[in-house]
Structure formats: C-alpha cells, structure tokens
Amino acid sequence: MSKKITRILGIPIYSVESRSDTTTLRNPAEWLKRVFGATSSAGVDVNEDSVSNLMVAFRSIDLLASTIAGLPKGVFERLPNGDKKQLIDNDVAFAIHRPNQMMTEFVYFQTVLYQLLTRGNSYSRIITSRDGYTLRLYQNSDVTVYTYNHKLYYRFKDAPGLQTSNNVLHFKGLGDGEIGLSPIHAAREGFATAIASQRYGNNSFKNGSMPPGYYSTPEHLSDDAFERLKSDLVDTKKGVENANETPLLEGGLEFKNFALKPEDLQFIQSREFTNAEIAGFFGVPLHLVYGAIKQGGYNSFEQFSTEFVKFTIISWVKRIEQELERKLFTLDEQRQQKYFIKFNVKGLLRGDIKSQTEFYDKMLYHGVFNKNDVLKLEDMNSADNGDRHYVDLNKIPEDMIDKYYQTKINKENGA
C-alpha cells in the first residue's frame, strides 16, 4: 500500500491511505473505489449500499453483529488462587456498558461490527473525564489514519490536532496490521454477481407479463402504428399485476421466443449458489440466514451453529476484547495481566435441554460443579447449602479401597 508524506508541525507523517491527484473516473484510485464503490466485470457498481440491499448479505451482517453485541460482557480480576472476580464499580466496566450518551452497549457494539464487516475498520475516540471514559464512535469517512516511526496517529473531523493510538480504539479486520481491508471491496466480484442476479430477477418481475422474446410483422409500421403497438403490448402489459394476460395480435403480428430462457440459464440454482457463497464469506451458516436448510436435521443445525461460534464469532470477539484491553487498561495493569475483558460465548454453545441436562448431571456426578454452579449458569439465585460438592463413591482412589471397605464392614458390625 503506497503512503504519502505529509508534514504536521514539521514532523513527516506518512498517510496510510494515499490519495493520488491524478485519479480519474475512467481509472479511479483505490481510495475513490472504497468511498464510492467500483464497477465490476458484471457491469454493476459494488459499494456498501448496493451490498446492503442484498437480503442474504444484510441478514448475515445483522446476525453476526447482533449476536456479538448481545453477548454478556464484563471486566474481571485474576485472583491469586486462579479464580476470577467480576468488577462492577470500575471505569472500564462502566465504559463498556455505557459507551456514550447516544448509544446503549448493544447498539455501540452492533455498529462496531457493522463497520468492521462492511468497511474493515471501526474507530472510537477515548475521551477521559472525571466521570470515566466515553467511547465516541466515528464514521470511517471522518477519520484519517497516519503512520510515523512505527506508530499510528489519527485525525478526527471534530477534534483538533492528531490523536495518538493510546486515545483511539481502532478495531481492525483482516489487513496489513495498520488498517483493515474493506471486505466489500475485497470480494467485489462475488457481490457483483449477486447484485446482477437480483436486478435481473427484479426486472423479470417488473416485466412479468412480457415473455422473453420479440414481436415480428412483415409490414412496415408507421410511427403512429408503432407507438400504439408499443403502448398496447409493452407499456400497459408490464408488471406482476398484468402477468398471464393474453395479448391480442393483429395485422400479421407474430411473437417469437428468444433461444435462451431463465430456466435454460439455471437462474434459480445460480442465485441459491451465490447466496450460499455470500453467507459463507461472512462465516454464517446458511440455515441461520434462511431459517431452514434442505439437508440435515436438528443435529446438523446444532453442529453448524457450534461451528459458527467456534470459527466465526470467537475470532471477531478476540479482536474486540484485545483492543479494549490494550487501550482501556494502563500499561502497568497490562504488564501485571491482573485484569481482563471477557465476552461470554458459553451460552451460544449450549445444546438442547436434553443435552444440557446430561451435561449438568455429569458435572455434578464427578464433583466438578456444585448446585449453585448450575443455578448460576441458568441465571437463577443460589440455594442454601448449594456450595457443597458431591462425588460418586464408586470412584475412589485405588490406595483407599481397602480402607473404605474395612470401615464400612466395621460400621455394619457395630465395631
């Protein structure tokens, strides 16, 4: 990626995104393509708006963003005995649960994920006050990123001067480490096929009563006759509401079919394949997008959902957790590794009631869980004497078997 030298207060700053002065509409620069979109080989413009109009893309983005935004989040302290303690009265915890005055926790992280999935980057300025932290979220177009001496600097539209990376939450997608690539730009041709297919289908419905073919007549039509014919057979017969109406042909007029039809092109199958590609691009199982799947039963659904969490959700969660820890904790706190931020994904990995009950039963049976552990996982209040652990007496250490049975025999004999 080329970089442009800028001088600010005499310091040479290298812009991460270079904007060439020689860019043209015929040969646009890369930054212009990211802002306004670019025409693909399919002949359609691909940008954030056109991709969002695709149902499968919008649903995939919304599902992924909403799922992560809805996860329980907390700030925890590592205790000396290896346990953890959740911190409630803490500036970092408060910032996560109340990022700014305009957004709730859910809306903030949902918007962060939307920006990451469509633009590859999300920027929030960390504003410190006596009340704690405020996380002000920005549009990508309102932020310019610079690099100098292996450090990143940021210029915000509404803030004077440059901001150091310590004051900015920069969530990045896949990229070169400095800035994330736009997923829409990276997969432009794949999205273009889906956009072109959708427009083709919409035009087919728009011209629903007009079969794929043309009208032919051996006679030369006058201008008035041509306009009347066009009005009667084309303009007034378009649309789904006029579908299947039989036109009246006169004056030797004959209708001839085109050689290719949507069925010949396997249009429906093509769209299904394209939709599967888009859902797979975002890492979302197709059955979560459509709500149903043609093959597989419940076990397949559960397996796909588990893979969705393991291979898609967790990777995005880690990006966000680590950036929050890196910017919201002090350097000393990071060195001590005493505090950490956690998005709890365990709830997403739970199976059906039967599987969940069997899991709890095994954990209780082997003494791993106690009663209150199970109640806590089910969001229920703890019970009296619920902290006691129980184990199956059939499983005891080998060196204690003789002693156990000798004690039992003595007890039965009254000894």
Protein backbone atom coordinates (compact mmCIF):
# COMPACT_ATOMS: atom_id res chain seq x y z
CA MET A 1 0.00 0.00 0.00
CA SER A 2 1.52 3.33 -1.04
CA LYS A 3 1.99 6.03 1.56
CA LYS A 4 2.01 9.78 1.20
CA ILE A 5 4.29 12.11 3.15
CA THR A 6 2.59 14.97 4.97
CA ARG A 7 4.23 17.41 7.36
CA ILE A 8 2.40 18.45 10.51
CA LEU A 9 4.26 20.86 12.78
CA GLY A 10 7.42 19.99 10.87
CA ILE A 11 7.07 16.25 11.55
CA PRO A 12 6.90 13.99 8.48
CA ILE A 13 3.72 11.93 8.68
CA TYR A 14 3.05 9.08 6.28
CA SER A 15 -0.60 8.71 5.37
CA VAL A 16 -1.83 5.11 5.43
CA GLU A 17 -4.29 5.89 2.64
CA SER A 18 -2.67 7.75 -0.24
CA ARG A 19 -4.99 9.83 -2.42
CA SER A 20 -3.45 10.42 -5.85
CA ASP A 21 -4.09 13.75 -7.50
CA THR A 22 -4.19 12.05 -10.92
CA THR A 23 -7.23 9.86 -10.25
CA THR A 24 -9.91 9.91 -12.95
CA LEU A 25 -13.39 8.47 -13.34
CA ARG A 26 -12.07 6.15 -16.04
CA ASN A 27 -9.15 4.99 -13.86
CA PRO A 28 -10.14 5.73 -10.23
CA ALA A 29 -7.67 5.39 -7.38
CA GLU A 30 -8.20 2.74 -4.74
CA TRP A 31 -9.38 5.25 -2.11
CA LEU A 32 -12.04 6.52 -4.52
CA LYS A 33 -13.26 2.96 -5.11
CA ARG A 34 -13.62 2.40 -1.36
CA VAL A 35 -15.65 5.58 -0.93
CA PHE A 36 -17.96 5.42 -3.95
CA GLY A 37 -17.68 1.78 -4.99
CA ALA A 38 -16.29 0.35 -8.19
CA THR A 39 -17.81 -1.09 -11.33
CA SER A 40 -17.28 -4.82 -11.53
CA SER A 41 -16.88 -7.12 -14.50
CA ALA A 42 -20.60 -7.85 -14.19
CA GLY A 43 -21.29 -4.19 -15.04
CA VAL A 44 -22.74 -3.18 -11.66
CA ASP A 45 -21.40 -0.80 -9.02
CA VAL A 46 -20.43 -2.52 -5.78
CA ASN A 47 -20.48 -0.43 -2.62
CA GLU A 48 -21.86 -0.56 0.91
CA ASP A 49 -25.37 0.46 -0.14
CA SER A 50 -25.67 -1.98 -3.04
CA VAL A 51 -24.38 -4.88 -0.92
CA SER A 52 -26.72 -3.99 1.97
CA ASN A 53 -29.64 -4.27 -0.47
CA LEU A 54 -28.87 -7.98 -0.84
CA MET A 55 -31.10 -9.79 1.63
CA VAL A 56 -28.61 -12.57 2.36
CA ALA A 57 -25.76 -10.08 2.89
CA PHE A 58 -27.81 -7.78 5.14
CA ARG A 59 -29.10 -10.73 7.16
CA SER A 60 -25.61 -12.22 7.53
CA ILE A 61 -24.15 -8.90 8.71
CA ASP A 62 -27.06 -8.20 11.06
CA LEU A 63 -26.97 -11.72 12.51
CA LEU A 64 -23.24 -11.65 13.17
CA ALA A 65 -23.24 -8.09 14.56
CA SER A 66 -26.31 -8.62 16.75
CA THR A 67 -25.09 -11.95 18.11
CA ILE A 68 -21.79 -10.49 19.29
CA ALA A 69 -23.41 -7.29 20.57
CA GLY A 70 -25.80 -9.35 22.68
CA LEU A 71 -23.11 -11.39 24.45
CA PRO A 72 -22.68 -10.81 28.21
CA LYS A 73 -19.60 -8.66 28.75
CA GLY A 74 -17.57 -7.95 31.85
CA VAL A 75 -14.29 -6.82 33.37
CA PHE A 76 -12.61 -9.42 35.58
CA GLU A 77 -9.74 -9.59 38.05
CA ARG A 78 -7.49 -12.64 38.29
CA LEU A 79 -7.23 -13.77 41.91
CA PRO A 80 -4.08 -15.37 43.40
CA ASN A 81 -5.80 -18.77 43.73
CA GLY A 82 -6.57 -18.85 40.00
CA ASP A 83 -10.21 -17.81 40.33
CA LYS A 84 -11.67 -14.68 38.78
CA LYS A 85 -13.78 -11.89 40.19
CA GLN A 86 -16.06 -9.66 38.12
CA LEU A 87 -15.57 -5.95 38.72
CA ILE A 88 -18.74 -3.88 38.78
CA ASP A 89 -17.65 -0.49 40.17
CA ASN A 90 -14.92 0.07 37.60
CA ASP A 91 -14.37 2.78 34.96
CA VAL A 92 -13.62 0.27 32.21
CA ALA A 93 -16.69 -1.83 33.02
CA PHE A 94 -18.85 1.30 33.05
CA ALA A 95 -17.45 2.42 29.67
CA ILE A 96 -18.28 -0.95 28.13
CA HIS A 97 -21.84 -0.94 29.46
CA ARG A 98 -22.41 2.76 28.75
CA PRO A 99 -20.08 3.75 25.90
CA ASN A 100 -21.55 7.20 25.24
CA GLN A 101 -24.71 9.23 25.69
CA MET A 102 -26.09 8.38 22.25
CA MET A 103 -25.73 4.58 22.28
CA THR A 104 -26.50 1.65 24.51
CA GLU A 105 -23.97 -1.13 24.89
CA PHE A 106 -25.83 -3.27 22.35
CA VAL A 107 -26.12 -0.54 19.71
CA TYR A 108 -22.48 0.51 20.13
CA PHE A 109 -21.01 -2.95 19.59
CA GLN A 110 -23.55 -3.76 16.87
CA THR A 111 -22.41 -0.64 14.98
CA VAL A 112 -18.75 -1.50 15.54
CA LEU A 113 -19.32 -4.93 14.00
CA TYR A 114 -21.31 -3.45 11.11
CA GLN A 115 -18.42 -1.13 10.29
CA LEU A 116 -15.91 -3.98 10.54
CA LEU A 117 -17.95 -6.29 8.30
CA THR A 118 -18.58 -3.68 5.62
CA ARG A 119 -15.58 -1.33 5.81
CA GLY A 120 -12.89 -3.31 7.61
CA ASN A 121 -12.26 -0.68 10.31
CA SER A 122 -14.07 0.92 13.23
CA TYR A 123 -12.79 3.97 15.11
CA SER A 124 -13.76 5.27 18.56
CA ARG A 125 -12.06 8.17 20.32
CA ILE A 126 -11.47 7.58 24.03
CA ILE A 127 -12.45 10.73 25.92
CA THR A 128 -11.33 10.79 29.56
CA SER A 129 -13.12 12.86 32.20
CA ARG A 130 -13.71 12.75 35.94
CA ASP A 131 -16.75 10.56 35.21
CA GLY A 132 -14.61 7.93 33.49
CA TYR A 133 -14.34 7.05 29.80
CA THR A 134 -16.55 7.98 26.88
CA LEU A 135 -16.20 5.97 23.66
CA ARG A 136 -17.18 8.28 20.77
CA LEU A 137 -17.81 6.23 17.65
CA TYR A 138 -17.00 7.74 14.23
CA GLN A 139 -17.80 7.07 10.61
CA ASN A 140 -14.77 5.91 8.62
CA SER A 141 -15.03 8.98 6.39
CA ASP A 142 -14.49 11.25 9.42
CA VAL A 143 -11.13 9.70 10.33
CA THR A 144 -7.73 9.91 8.63
CA VAL A 145 -5.03 7.47 9.72
CA TYR A 146 -1.31 8.26 9.61
CA THR A 147 1.78 6.28 10.49
CA TYR A 148 5.13 7.64 11.65
CA ASN A 149 8.07 5.90 13.30
CA HIS A 150 6.09 2.64 13.56
CA LYS A 151 3.21 4.32 15.40
CA LEU A 152 -0.31 5.18 14.28
CA TYR A 153 -1.86 8.63 14.57
CA TYR A 154 -5.44 9.70 13.90
CA ARG A 155 -7.09 12.91 12.79
CA PHE A 156 -10.80 13.24 13.60
CA LYS A 157 -13.12 15.62 11.83
CA ASP A 158 -14.38 17.25 15.05
CA ALA A 159 -11.16 17.19 17.12
CA PRO A 160 -8.11 19.46 16.81
CA GLY A 161 -4.64 18.05 16.14
CA LEU A 162 -3.54 14.44 15.93
CA GLN A 163 -4.60 11.75 18.37
CA THR A 164 -2.16 9.03 19.40
CA SER A 165 -3.20 5.40 19.20
CA ASN A 166 -3.46 5.30 23.01
CA ASN A 167 -6.53 7.51 22.74
CA VAL A 168 -8.25 5.61 19.95
CA LEU A 169 -10.00 2.25 19.80
CA HIS A 170 -9.13 1.03 16.32
CA PHE A 171 -10.86 -2.27 15.65
CA LYS A 172 -9.36 -3.81 12.52
CA GLY A 173 -10.44 -6.52 10.17
CA LEU A 174 -8.11 -8.58 8.02
CA GLY A 175 -5.39 -6.36 6.56
CA ASP A 176 -1.72 -5.40 6.77
CA GLY A 177 -1.80 -4.71 10.50
CA GLU A 178 -2.05 -0.94 10.11
CA ILE A 179 -5.51 -0.75 8.60
CA GLY A 180 -8.14 -3.36 7.76
CA LEU A 181 -9.22 -4.16 4.23
CA SER A 182 -12.79 -3.47 3.18
CA PRO A 183 -14.49 -6.89 2.88
CA ILE A 184 -16.89 -5.50 0.26
CA HIS A 185 -14.00 -4.21 -1.83
CA ALA A 186 -12.01 -7.42 -1.42
CA ALA A 187 -14.93 -9.60 -2.58
CA ARG A 188 -16.28 -7.12 -5.12
CA GLU A 189 -16.73 -9.59 -7.99
CA GLY A 190 -18.60 -12.10 -5.85
CA PHE A 191 -21.02 -9.45 -4.61
CA ALA A 192 -21.39 -8.13 -8.17
CA THR A 193 -22.74 -11.48 -9.35
CA ALA A 194 -25.35 -11.47 -6.59
CA ILE A 195 -26.35 -7.84 -7.28
CA ALA A 196 -26.65 -8.50 -11.02
CA SER A 197 -28.73 -11.64 -10.39
CA GLN A 198 -31.07 -9.77 -8.05
CA ARG A 199 -31.57 -6.95 -10.54
CA TYR A 200 -32.19 -9.46 -13.31
CA GLY A 201 -34.83 -11.18 -11.20
CA ASN A 202 -36.45 -7.88 -10.24
CA ASN A 203 -36.62 -6.82 -13.88
CA SER A 204 -38.19 -10.15 -14.73
CA PHE A 205 -40.97 -9.44 -12.24
CA LYS A 206 -41.22 -5.86 -13.40
CA ASN A 207 -41.85 -7.14 -16.91
CA GLY A 208 -43.74 -10.12 -15.58
CA SER A 209 -46.32 -10.42 -18.37
CA MET A 210 -43.77 -9.92 -21.13
CA PRO A 211 -42.28 -13.28 -22.14
CA PRO A 212 -38.62 -13.41 -23.22
CA GLY A 213 -38.97 -12.83 -26.96
CA TYR A 214 -39.91 -10.28 -29.63
CA TYR A 215 -42.79 -9.33 -31.95
CA SER A 216 -42.40 -9.54 -35.74
CA THR A 217 -44.54 -8.29 -38.63
CA PRO A 218 -43.98 -8.49 -42.41
CA GLU A 219 -45.38 -5.00 -42.84
CA HIS A 220 -43.66 -1.68 -42.25
CA LEU A 221 -45.30 0.17 -39.35
CA SER A 222 -45.90 3.88 -39.39
CA ASP A 223 -44.80 5.94 -36.41
CA ASP A 224 -48.35 6.13 -35.06
CA ALA A 225 -48.88 2.37 -35.50
CA PHE A 226 -45.58 1.62 -33.79
CA GLU A 227 -46.40 3.82 -30.79
CA ARG A 228 -49.89 2.27 -30.47
CA LEU A 229 -48.41 -1.22 -30.64
CA LYS A 230 -45.78 -0.36 -28.06
CA SER A 231 -48.40 1.09 -25.74
CA ASP A 232 -50.79 -1.87 -26.11
CA LEU A 233 -48.28 -4.72 -25.88
CA VAL A 234 -45.40 -3.38 -23.82
CA ASP A 235 -46.07 -0.34 -21.67
CA THR A 236 -49.53 -1.41 -20.44
CA LYS A 237 -48.68 -5.09 -20.02
CA LYS A 238 -45.66 -4.80 -17.76
CA GLY A 239 -45.70 -5.75 -14.10
CA VAL A 240 -46.74 -8.70 -11.97
CA GLU A 241 -50.36 -7.50 -11.84
CA ASN A 242 -50.63 -7.94 -15.61
CA ALA A 243 -48.95 -11.32 -15.75
CA ASN A 244 -50.53 -14.14 -17.75
CA GLU A 245 -52.82 -11.82 -19.72
CA THR A 246 -53.19 -12.95 -23.34
CA PRO A 247 -52.34 -10.22 -25.85
CA LEU A 248 -54.43 -9.79 -29.00
CA LEU A 249 -52.22 -9.80 -32.11
CA GLU A 250 -53.40 -8.24 -35.38
CA GLY A 251 -52.09 -7.30 -38.81
CA GLY A 252 -49.91 -10.38 -39.20
CA LEU A 253 -48.08 -9.69 -35.95
CA GLU A 254 -46.22 -12.78 -34.68
CA PHE A 255 -44.44 -13.44 -31.37
CA LYS A 256 -41.14 -15.34 -31.38
CA ASN A 257 -39.29 -16.69 -28.30
CA PHE A 258 -35.67 -16.00 -27.62
CA ALA A 259 -33.43 -19.04 -27.66
CA LEU A 260 -32.36 -18.63 -24.01
CA LYS A 261 -34.74 -18.60 -21.05
CA PRO A 262 -34.10 -18.12 -17.33
CA GLU A 263 -34.66 -21.88 -16.90
CA ASP A 264 -32.01 -22.60 -19.55
CA LEU A 265 -29.56 -20.45 -17.64
CA GLN A 266 -30.45 -22.23 -14.37
CA PHE A 267 -31.17 -18.83 -12.87
CA ILE A 268 -32.72 -20.08 -9.63
CA GLN A 269 -29.90 -22.52 -8.94
CA SER A 270 -27.38 -19.80 -9.68
CA ARG A 271 -28.92 -17.45 -7.13
CA GLU A 272 -29.01 -20.16 -4.47
CA PHE A 273 -25.33 -20.87 -5.03
CA THR A 274 -24.49 -17.16 -4.90
CA ASN A 275 -26.43 -16.71 -1.66
CA ALA A 276 -24.54 -19.62 -0.14
CA GLU A 277 -21.27 -18.02 -1.22
CA ILE A 278 -22.17 -14.70 0.44
CA ALA A 279 -23.25 -16.34 3.70
CA GLY A 280 -20.05 -18.40 3.65
CA PHE A 281 -17.99 -15.27 3.01
CA PHE A 282 -19.26 -13.80 6.29
CA GLY A 283 -18.88 -17.16 8.03
CA VAL A 284 -22.61 -17.53 8.74
CA PRO A 285 -24.34 -20.91 8.30
CA LEU A 286 -26.96 -20.67 5.57
CA HIS A 287 -29.69 -22.16 7.76
CA LEU A 288 -29.34 -19.23 10.16
CA VAL A 289 -29.91 -16.84 7.26
CA TYR A 290 -32.85 -18.66 5.71
CA GLY A 291 -34.23 -20.21 8.90
CA ALA A 292 -34.27 -23.60 7.16
CA ILE A 293 -31.99 -25.88 5.22
CA LYS A 294 -32.80 -28.51 2.65
CA GLN A 295 -30.48 -31.17 4.01
CA GLY A 296 -29.84 -32.38 7.52
CA GLY A 297 -31.93 -32.40 10.65
CA TYR A 298 -31.58 -30.88 14.09
CA ASN A 299 -28.16 -32.44 14.67
CA SER A 300 -26.90 -30.68 11.56
CA PHE A 301 -28.33 -27.36 12.79
CA GLU A 302 -26.60 -27.77 16.16
CA GLN A 303 -23.31 -28.70 14.52
CA PHE A 304 -23.43 -25.74 12.12
CA SER A 305 -24.30 -23.38 14.97
CA THR A 306 -21.39 -24.66 17.06
CA GLU A 307 -19.03 -24.17 14.12
CA PHE A 308 -20.45 -20.64 13.69
CA VAL A 309 -19.39 -19.82 17.25
CA LYS A 310 -16.00 -21.56 17.11
CA PHE A 311 -14.82 -20.38 13.71
CA THR A 312 -16.60 -17.03 13.24
CA ILE A 313 -17.87 -15.49 16.48
CA ILE A 314 -14.78 -16.15 18.61
CA SER A 315 -12.34 -14.61 16.10
CA TRP A 316 -14.28 -11.32 16.00
CA VAL A 317 -14.73 -11.38 19.79
CA LYS A 318 -10.97 -11.77 20.30
CA ARG A 319 -10.25 -8.76 18.08
CA ILE A 320 -12.56 -6.60 20.17
CA GLU A 321 -11.52 -7.95 23.58
CA GLN A 322 -7.81 -7.44 22.94
CA GLU A 323 -8.23 -3.92 21.55
CA LEU A 324 -10.33 -2.92 24.58
CA GLU A 325 -7.74 -4.35 26.98
CA ARG A 326 -4.86 -2.71 25.11
CA LYS A 327 -6.41 0.78 25.19
CA LEU A 328 -8.56 0.93 28.34
CA PHE A 329 -6.13 -0.61 30.85
CA THR A 330 -2.97 1.23 31.92
CA LEU A 331 0.43 -0.08 30.83
CA ASP A 332 1.15 -1.26 34.38
CA GLU A 333 -2.15 -3.14 34.50
CA GLN A 334 -1.32 -4.78 31.17
CA ARG A 335 2.12 -5.83 32.44
CA GLN A 336 0.62 -7.40 35.55
CA GLN A 337 -2.07 -9.15 33.46
CA LYS A 338 -4.28 -8.78 36.50
CA TYR A 339 -7.39 -7.60 34.68
CA PHE A 340 -9.07 -8.80 31.53
CA ILE A 341 -12.26 -8.24 29.50
CA LYS A 342 -14.44 -11.19 28.58
CA PHE A 343 -17.35 -11.66 26.18
CA ASN A 344 -19.12 -14.80 27.38
CA VAL A 345 -19.89 -17.13 24.45
CA LYS A 346 -20.75 -20.18 26.57
CA GLY A 347 -24.46 -19.50 26.24
CA LEU A 348 -24.18 -19.86 22.46
CA LEU A 349 -22.61 -23.30 22.81
CA ARG A 350 -25.40 -24.77 24.89
CA GLY A 351 -27.29 -27.59 23.25
CA ASP A 352 -30.93 -28.58 23.61
CA ILE A 353 -32.50 -29.16 27.05
CA LYS A 354 -31.75 -32.90 27.00
CA SER A 355 -28.07 -32.41 26.16
CA GLN A 356 -27.76 -29.59 28.67
CA THR A 357 -29.34 -31.68 31.44
CA GLU A 358 -26.99 -34.57 30.72
CA PHE A 359 -24.02 -32.19 30.84
CA TYR A 360 -25.04 -30.77 34.22
CA ASP A 361 -25.67 -34.26 35.55
CA LYS A 362 -22.17 -35.41 34.58
CA MET A 363 -20.54 -32.32 36.07
CA LEU A 364 -22.42 -32.83 39.36
CA TYR A 365 -21.74 -36.57 39.27
CA HIS A 366 -17.97 -36.07 39.02
CA GLY A 367 -17.88 -33.25 41.57
CA VAL A 368 -16.83 -30.59 39.04
CA PHE A 369 -19.97 -28.48 39.60
CA ASN A 370 -21.98 -27.88 42.71
CA LYS A 371 -25.67 -27.00 42.84
CA ASN A 372 -25.04 -23.27 42.87
CA ASP A 373 -22.76 -23.52 39.83
CA VAL A 374 -25.65 -24.93 37.83
CA LEU A 375 -28.11 -22.35 39.18
CA LYS A 376 -25.71 -19.55 38.22
CA LEU A 377 -25.41 -20.86 34.66
CA GLU A 378 -29.21 -20.89 34.45
CA ASP A 379 -29.42 -17.28 35.74
CA MET A 380 -31.11 -18.41 38.95
CA ASN A 381 -30.41 -17.39 42.53
CA SER A 382 -28.16 -19.57 44.65
CA ALA A 383 -29.57 -22.04 47.17
CA ASP A 384 -28.68 -22.64 50.83
CA ASN A 385 -26.03 -25.35 51.17
CA GLY A 386 -25.66 -25.28 47.41
CA ASP A 387 -21.88 -24.88 47.53
CA ARG A 388 -21.22 -28.49 48.62
CA HIS A 389 -19.65 -30.83 46.04
CA TYR A 390 -20.69 -34.46 45.74
CA VAL A 391 -18.83 -37.36 44.15
CA ASP A 392 -19.78 -40.92 43.24
CA LEU A 393 -18.45 -43.34 45.84
CA ASN A 394 -17.94 -45.99 43.19
CA LYS A 395 -14.94 -43.97 42.04
CA ILE A 396 -12.32 -43.61 44.77
CA PRO A 397 -8.51 -43.76 44.68
CA GLU A 398 -7.13 -47.29 44.47
CA ASP A 399 -4.98 -46.89 47.59
CA MET A 400 -8.12 -46.11 49.63
CA ILE A 401 -10.29 -49.04 48.52
CA ASP A 402 -9.22 -51.41 51.35
CA LYS A 403 -9.59 -48.72 53.98
CA TYR A 404 -13.02 -47.69 52.67
CA TYR A 405 -14.45 -51.19 52.70
CA GLN A 406 -12.86 -52.07 56.06
CA THR A 407 -14.50 -49.01 57.60
CA LYS A 408 -17.83 -49.95 56.05
CA ILE A 409 -17.61 -53.54 57.41
CA ASN A 410 -16.69 -52.34 60.88
CA LYS A 411 -19.64 -49.94 60.84
CA GLU A 412 -22.07 -52.67 59.84
CA ASN A 413 -20.72 -54.97 62.60
CA GLY A 414 -21.03 -52.25 65.19
CA ALA A 415 -17.32 -52.16 65.79
